[in-house]
Amino acid sequence: MNTGGTNDPAPAAQGLTTEDRSPEPEERELSTGVAVLITVVAALCGALVILLVLHGLGWTAPGLGWLVAKGAVKIGVGGTVGLIAALGWLRARRAERRAADAA
């Protein structure tokens, strides 16, 4: 096998310079809201895994259930309020951009 090595250019690309080839596709960045959402979900999943590992090892502490329930209520209420606030902020920011583009 004398052809097709890793250093051989593809038949369609032989004789072409870098400028002749099509440009690389542009990387698309995630919006800020999506990036924040992914970070929060990843943090919650990480915390869940840690709690499951500790539960599987039989680790318990007095009052742990009460603390977890209290935290769940805070996350539920705070998360809902935070989500509504974030959506309102994003909506206002988007409206500002549209107004600036229209002007």
Foldseek 3Di string as FASTA:
>chain_A
DPDDDPPDDDPVCPPPDPVRDDDDDDDDDDDPVVVVVVVVVVVVVVVVVVVVVCVVVVDDDPCPVVVVVVVVVCCVVVVVVVVVVVVVVVVVVVVVVVVVVVD
